[in-house]
Protein backbone atom coordinates (compact mmCIF):
# COMPACT_ATOMS: atom_id res chain seq x y z
CA MET A 1 0.21 0.17 -0.06
CA ALA A 2 1.53 3.44 -0.81
CA SER A 3 0.99 6.89 0.73
CA ALA A 4 2.01 10.51 0.12
CA GLU A 5 4.75 11.35 2.62
CA GLY A 6 7.34 13.79 2.72
CA GLY A 7 6.53 15.32 -0.24
CA GLY A 8 6.80 11.60 -2.11
CA GLN A 9 4.77 8.52 -2.58
CA ARG A 10 6.05 5.36 -0.18
CA ALA A 11 5.89 2.11 -0.40
CA ALA A 12 6.84 -0.62 1.75
CA ASP A 13 9.66 1.98 2.90
CA HIS A 14 10.65 3.00 -0.08
CA ASP A 15 10.87 6.71 -1.20
CA GLY A 16 9.18 6.90 -4.47
CA THR A 17 10.38 10.91 -5.55
CA VAL A 18 13.89 8.77 -5.33
CA ALA A 19 13.42 6.38 -7.85
CA ARG A 20 11.13 8.77 -10.04
CA ASP A 21 14.50 11.48 -10.05
CA ALA A 22 17.15 8.52 -11.14
CA GLY A 23 14.36 7.59 -14.12
CA LEU A 24 13.69 4.34 -12.89
CA LEU A 25 9.74 4.92 -12.98
CA ASN A 26 9.89 6.33 -16.44
CA PRO A 27 7.34 5.00 -18.52
CA ALA A 28 9.76 4.84 -21.37
CA LEU A 29 11.07 1.68 -19.92
CA GLU A 30 8.09 -0.02 -19.95
CA GLY A 31 8.12 -3.46 -21.89
CA ARG A 32 12.09 -3.79 -21.57
CA VAL A 33 14.40 -5.51 -19.94
CA LEU A 34 16.63 -3.66 -17.18
CA VAL A 35 20.05 -4.91 -16.89
CA PRO A 36 22.05 -3.46 -14.08
CA TRP A 37 25.59 -1.63 -15.06
CA ALA A 38 27.92 -1.48 -12.16
CA ASP A 39 30.92 -0.17 -11.81
CA PRO A 40 34.36 -1.95 -11.19
CA ALA A 41 33.58 -2.29 -7.85
CA GLY A 42 30.41 -3.60 -8.27
CA GLN A 43 28.16 -0.41 -7.40
CA PRO A 44 25.58 1.09 -9.08
CA LEU A 45 26.39 3.09 -12.46
CA THR A 46 22.94 2.60 -14.18
CA PHE A 47 20.53 0.95 -15.74
CA TYR A 48 20.16 -0.16 -19.19
CA ALA A 49 16.93 -0.85 -20.72
CA ARG A 50 16.30 -3.14 -23.91
CA TRP A 51 13.34 -4.01 -25.48
CA VAL A 52 12.55 -7.49 -25.19
CA GLY A 53 11.67 -8.24 -29.51
CA ARG A 54 13.70 -8.21 -31.67
CA THR A 55 12.22 -4.81 -33.36
CA PRO A 56 10.23 -1.81 -31.13
CA PRO A 57 7.54 -0.07 -31.94
CA GLU A 58 7.96 2.45 -35.19
CA GLY A 59 9.79 5.47 -33.55
CA THR A 60 10.85 3.57 -30.39
CA PRO A 61 14.43 2.99 -29.70
CA LYS A 62 15.65 -0.50 -29.01
CA THR A 63 17.85 0.66 -26.12
CA ARG A 64 17.66 3.17 -23.62
CA ALA A 65 19.77 4.28 -20.65
CA LEU A 66 18.91 6.02 -17.35
CA PRO A 67 20.29 9.94 -17.44
CA GLY A 68 23.60 10.29 -15.43
CA GLU A 69 26.92 11.92 -16.06
CA ASP A 70 29.33 9.00 -17.21
CA THR A 71 27.56 6.36 -16.48
CA LYS A 72 28.56 3.97 -19.02
CA GLY A 73 32.48 5.30 -17.98
CA SER A 74 33.24 1.08 -17.59
CA PRO A 75 32.57 -1.51 -19.20
CA LEU A 76 29.50 -4.19 -18.65
CA TYR A 77 30.28 -6.60 -16.53
CA PHE A 78 33.82 -5.68 -16.07
CA ASP A 79 33.49 -5.32 -12.44
CA ARG A 80 32.55 -10.05 -12.88
CA ALA A 81 34.95 -10.29 -14.88
CA ARG A 82 37.57 -8.16 -11.73
CA ARG A 83 35.98 -10.33 -9.34
CA ALA A 84 37.11 -13.61 -11.34
CA GLY A 85 40.48 -11.85 -11.19
CA LEU A 86 40.55 -11.89 -14.75
CA ARG A 87 43.19 -8.89 -16.88
CA ASP A 88 42.60 -10.93 -20.25
CA LEU A 89 38.86 -9.96 -21.41
CA VAL A 90 37.09 -10.45 -24.23
CA ALA A 91 34.78 -7.39 -25.48
CA VAL A 92 31.60 -7.76 -27.78
CA GLU A 93 29.05 -4.78 -28.44
CA GLY A 94 25.83 -5.60 -27.11
CA ASP A 95 24.60 -5.99 -23.30
CA PHE A 96 22.13 -9.16 -24.17
CA ASP A 97 25.08 -11.08 -25.89
CA ALA A 98 27.53 -10.46 -22.47
CA ALA A 99 24.78 -10.39 -20.23
CA LEU A 100 24.65 -14.03 -22.13
CA LEU A 101 27.58 -15.30 -22.49
CA GLN A 102 28.60 -14.40 -18.54
CA VAL A 103 25.26 -16.79 -17.41
CA ARG A 104 26.68 -20.16 -19.30
CA GLY A 105 30.23 -19.39 -17.74
CA ASP A 106 32.39 -17.22 -19.86
CA PRO A 107 33.98 -14.53 -17.12
CA ARG A 108 36.30 -12.83 -19.78
CA VAL A 109 33.62 -10.65 -21.51
CA VAL A 110 32.37 -7.10 -21.13
CA ALA A 111 30.60 -4.96 -23.44
CA TYR A 112 31.26 -1.43 -24.67
CA VAL A 113 27.17 -1.33 -25.40
CA ALA A 114 28.30 1.20 -28.26
CA ALA A 115 29.82 1.54 -31.87
CA GLN A 116 33.11 1.28 -29.78
CA PHE A 117 34.58 1.65 -26.63
CA SER A 118 34.72 4.93 -25.23
CA GLY A 119 37.79 7.26 -23.92
CA LEU A 120 36.66 6.64 -20.13
CA GLN A 121 35.97 2.85 -20.91
CA ILE A 122 39.72 2.75 -22.42
CA GLU A 123 41.03 4.65 -19.14
CA THR A 124 39.28 2.33 -16.62
CA LEU A 125 40.65 -0.58 -18.48
CA VAL A 126 44.06 1.51 -18.09
CA ARG A 127 43.67 2.11 -14.51
CA TYR A 128 43.07 -1.83 -13.45
CA ARG A 129 45.88 -3.10 -15.29
CA VAL A 130 43.99 -4.88 -18.56
CA ARG A 131 46.51 -6.43 -20.28
CA SER A 132 44.55 -7.99 -23.41
CA VAL A 133 41.52 -7.17 -24.88
CA VAL A 134 40.02 -9.96 -27.49
CA ILE A 135 37.23 -8.18 -29.55
CA VAL A 136 34.22 -10.30 -31.00
CA PRO A 137 32.71 -7.68 -33.06
CA ASP A 138 29.39 -7.81 -34.75
CA PRO A 139 29.59 -9.37 -38.31
CA ASP A 140 28.55 -6.00 -39.83
CA GLY A 141 30.10 -3.01 -41.31
CA GLY A 142 29.31 -0.98 -38.41
CA GLY A 143 31.02 -4.06 -35.74
CA ASP A 144 34.27 -3.98 -38.50
CA ARG A 145 34.62 -0.33 -37.88
CA GLY A 146 34.22 -0.08 -34.26
CA ALA A 147 36.82 -3.23 -33.81
CA ARG A 148 39.54 -0.94 -35.80
CA ASP A 149 38.45 2.09 -33.96
CA SER A 150 38.98 -0.13 -30.42
CA VAL A 151 42.19 -1.40 -31.56
CA ASP A 152 43.66 1.96 -32.53
CA ALA A 153 42.23 2.94 -28.91
CA LEU A 154 43.64 0.14 -26.88
CA THR A 155 46.82 -0.14 -28.53
CA ARG A 156 47.57 3.31 -27.65
CA ALA A 157 46.27 2.96 -24.02
CA GLY A 158 49.29 0.02 -24.29
CA ILE A 159 46.86 -3.06 -24.10
CA ALA A 160 47.64 -5.93 -26.40
CA ALA A 161 44.31 -5.87 -28.80
CA PHE A 162 42.56 -8.79 -31.00
CA VAL A 163 40.24 -9.40 -33.15
CA ALA A 164 38.16 -12.99 -33.57
CA PRO A 165 37.11 -13.42 -37.20
CA ARG A 166 33.39 -12.56 -38.00
CA LEU A 167 30.79 -14.73 -36.80
CA PRO A 168 29.56 -16.91 -39.37
CA ASP A 169 26.35 -16.52 -41.57
CA GLY A 170 25.32 -12.85 -39.78
CA LEU A 171 25.26 -14.10 -36.05
CA ASP A 172 25.32 -11.95 -33.18
CA PRO A 173 27.98 -13.69 -30.25
CA ASP A 174 24.25 -14.23 -28.57
CA GLU A 175 22.92 -15.96 -31.79
CA PHE A 176 25.81 -18.01 -32.19
CA LEU A 177 26.26 -19.02 -28.60
CA LEU A 178 22.62 -20.08 -28.33
CA ARG A 179 23.60 -22.45 -31.59
CA GLU A 180 27.16 -23.62 -30.81
CA GLY A 181 27.07 -23.66 -27.33
CA LEU A 182 30.12 -22.61 -25.36
CA ASP A 183 33.17 -24.74 -26.74
CA GLU A 184 32.64 -23.54 -30.17
CA TRP A 185 32.66 -19.84 -28.68
CA LYS A 186 35.72 -20.17 -27.34
CA ALA A 187 36.99 -21.78 -29.83
CA HIS A 188 36.13 -18.86 -32.13
CA VAL A 189 37.47 -16.63 -29.90
CA ALA A 190 40.29 -18.65 -30.10
CA LYS A 191 41.27 -18.45 -33.60
CA ALA A 192 41.82 -13.79 -33.10
CA VAL A 193 44.61 -12.53 -34.53
CA SER A 194 46.62 -9.05 -33.40
CA GLY A 195 45.24 -6.31 -33.88
CA GLY A 196 47.75 -5.56 -36.52
CA VAL A 197 47.44 -7.75 -38.42
CA TYR A 198 43.09 -6.85 -38.52
CA ARG A 199 44.09 -3.64 -39.52
CA ALA A 200 46.94 -4.71 -42.11
CA GLN A 201 43.68 -7.35 -43.56
CA THR A 202 41.33 -4.01 -43.38
CA ILE A 203 43.65 -2.17 -45.35
CA MET A 204 44.23 -5.50 -47.98
CA GLY A 205 40.62 -5.99 -48.28
CA ASP A 206 40.55 -8.81 -51.10
CA VAL A 207 43.58 -7.72 -53.05
CA SER A 208 45.52 -11.30 -52.89
CA PRO A 209 48.77 -12.10 -55.37
CA HIS A 210 47.01 -12.68 -58.09
CA SER A 211 45.73 -9.06 -58.45
CA PRO A 212 47.03 -6.57 -60.51
CA GLU A 213 50.51 -4.95 -59.77
CA VAL A 214 49.25 -1.27 -59.22
CA ASP A 215 46.52 -2.38 -56.37
CA ARG A 216 49.82 -4.70 -54.95
CA ARG A 217 51.60 -2.01 -54.57
CA ARG A 218 49.24 0.59 -53.54
CA VAL A 219 47.88 -1.64 -50.29
CA VAL A 220 51.59 -2.59 -49.71
CA ASP A 221 52.19 1.17 -49.02
CA GLU A 222 49.03 1.78 -47.54
CA VAL A 223 49.48 -1.65 -45.06
CA LEU A 224 53.48 0.11 -44.18
CA ALA A 225 51.99 3.74 -43.55
CA ALA A 226 50.12 2.12 -40.87
CA GLU A 227 52.61 -0.38 -39.29
CA THR A 228 53.97 3.12 -38.01
CA THR A 229 51.71 3.86 -35.79
CA PHE A 230 51.36 0.67 -34.20
CA ARG A 231 52.84 0.07 -30.56
CA GLY A 232 54.58 -2.22 -28.59
CA PRO A 233 57.96 -4.68 -29.17
CA ARG A 234 55.85 -7.20 -31.40
CA ALA A 235 54.13 -4.71 -33.28
CA GLY A 236 56.22 -4.43 -36.74
CA LEU A 237 55.54 -8.27 -36.44
């Protein structure tokens, strides 16, 4: 039972004003799954609201986040990876991707929940001495661009970056896990190449030893130019 008290509604000794001010009573969150987002110590940062179905109503975004400054400054589930004592991570784009992989038994998985890692997220990884990150991008152009930009940002920060191959059949990580299982997921992640190799491969595109010489020379020059920006003792390799 609720009653007006102290300028706000109270129910079961909880002040509804606090929940309303935090955005939890926003009707725009109805029909969505709320994903709690914690900081590296496990303290709450925000809630991320995701539409249950694949396609939300027209004019409605698929995802929403509660208002607040720097609420995504730590990757989603990085607190769980830290609690497991891990410094070598696997990063995906989607919140549901990471949630399912965590539930199914891969504590390495975090999510940047954007096109790429943000600057604040990179700073958090550096502060907690993360050694490496394997990126498993969504299998589309946006995923490819995000992986490339994340590789650049991680490399500049001194974190070893790797990128797994594109997932087959256009599957997102959670869909791949449901179809193939955890062992196949881990096997796929193990096929990751270094960030430098990934960048070189994206520059080369479909140019091969059988391509016209002008194309081969062009991509060689572009790869060599990119190589000068790589960091780390084995970056050139």
